[in-house]
Amino acid sequence: MIYSKLDIRDINKVDFSEVSEDSSETVRKSLDEKLFIVKYDSDSIPEFILDGSVIPLQFLTHKEALALMATDDWSENEDIR
């Protein structure tokens, strides 16, 4: 799986049929709600990324995504860290 960190301003450009999340309501968002994460198979990169409609701020592995989610910007619960 590939995880892409995206700007919240691009959330309406995401075709949720091409990623693991169901909708804008089910994506993981940063606490300030300025960023969100989508994940998808490395064999099927979403068209909205391929065509440049949405430009990811960062591509992450599963391990990197977990580390990001454990930061203060993404998690209020200290037990996760």
Protein backbone atom coordinates (compact mmCIF):
# COMPACT_ATOMS: atom_id res chain seq x y z
CA MET A 1 0.00 0.00 0.00
CA ILE A 2 1.01 3.57 -0.64
CA TYR A 3 -0.13 6.37 1.64
CA SER A 4 -0.37 9.90 0.27
CA LYS A 5 -0.57 13.01 2.41
CA LEU A 6 -2.80 15.57 0.70
CA ASP A 7 -3.94 19.14 1.27
CA ILE A 8 -7.53 19.35 2.53
CA ARG A 9 -8.33 21.81 -0.28
CA ASP A 10 -8.01 18.84 -2.67
CA ILE A 11 -10.47 16.56 -0.88
CA ASN A 12 -13.27 17.22 -3.39
CA LYS A 13 -10.96 16.16 -6.24
CA VAL A 14 -10.44 12.67 -4.79
CA ASP A 15 -12.26 9.83 -6.51
CA PHE A 16 -12.96 7.61 -3.52
CA SER A 17 -13.58 4.62 -5.78
CA GLU A 18 -9.81 4.64 -6.45
CA VAL A 19 -8.63 4.61 -2.82
CA SER A 20 -9.27 2.51 0.29
CA GLU A 21 -11.31 5.17 2.07
CA ASP A 22 -15.04 5.45 1.37
CA SER A 23 -15.53 9.21 1.52
CA SER A 24 -14.22 12.52 2.80
CA GLU A 25 -15.75 11.54 6.14
CA THR A 26 -13.62 8.40 6.51
CA VAL A 27 -10.17 9.75 5.67
CA ARG A 28 -7.68 10.34 8.47
CA LYS A 29 -7.24 14.10 8.94
CA SER A 30 -4.65 16.06 10.85
CA LEU A 31 -5.96 17.64 14.04
CA ASP A 32 -6.00 21.08 12.41
CA GLU A 33 -7.87 19.51 9.45
CA LYS A 34 -5.47 21.02 6.91
CA LEU A 35 -4.14 17.64 5.71
CA PHE A 36 -5.50 14.16 5.11
CA ILE A 37 -4.22 10.73 4.13
CA VAL A 38 -5.45 8.33 1.46
CA LYS A 39 -4.10 4.86 0.81
CA TYR A 40 -4.13 2.75 -2.31
CA ASP A 41 -2.49 -0.22 -3.95
CA SER A 42 0.92 0.49 -5.45
CA ASP A 43 -0.28 -1.32 -8.59
CA SER A 44 -3.20 1.05 -9.09
CA ILE A 45 -2.19 4.66 -8.53
CA PRO A 46 -5.34 6.82 -8.60
CA GLU A 47 -6.06 8.69 -11.81
CA PHE A 48 -6.47 11.98 -9.92
CA ILE A 49 -2.79 11.69 -8.91
CA LEU A 50 -1.57 10.43 -12.29
CA ASP A 51 -3.26 13.26 -14.19
CA GLY A 52 -2.00 15.93 -11.77
CA SER A 53 -5.45 16.95 -10.50
CA VAL A 54 -4.13 16.30 -6.99
CA ILE A 55 -0.45 16.56 -6.15
CA PRO A 56 0.49 14.68 -2.97
CA LEU A 57 2.55 16.58 -0.44
CA GLN A 58 4.24 13.32 0.53
CA PHE A 59 4.21 9.62 -0.29
CA LEU A 60 4.57 7.31 2.69
CA THR A 61 5.07 3.65 3.44
CA HIS A 62 2.86 1.97 6.06
CA LYS A 63 5.59 2.40 8.68
CA GLU A 64 6.03 6.08 7.81
CA ALA A 65 2.26 6.66 7.92
CA LEU A 66 2.04 5.07 11.37
CA ALA A 67 4.88 7.28 12.59
CA LEU A 68 3.13 10.36 11.19
CA MET A 69 -0.18 9.40 12.85
CA ALA A 70 1.63 9.18 16.20
CA THR A 71 2.76 12.81 16.06
CA ASP A 72 1.09 15.65 17.95
CA ASP A 73 -0.25 17.05 14.66
CA TRP A 74 -2.27 13.90 14.01
CA SER A 75 -3.09 12.34 17.37
CA GLU A 76 -4.38 13.64 20.69
CA ASN A 77 -4.12 10.28 22.42
CA GLU A 78 -0.72 9.79 24.01
CA ASP A 79 -1.41 6.04 24.33
CA ILE A 80 -1.00 5.71 20.54
CA ARG A 81 2.56 7.00 20.73
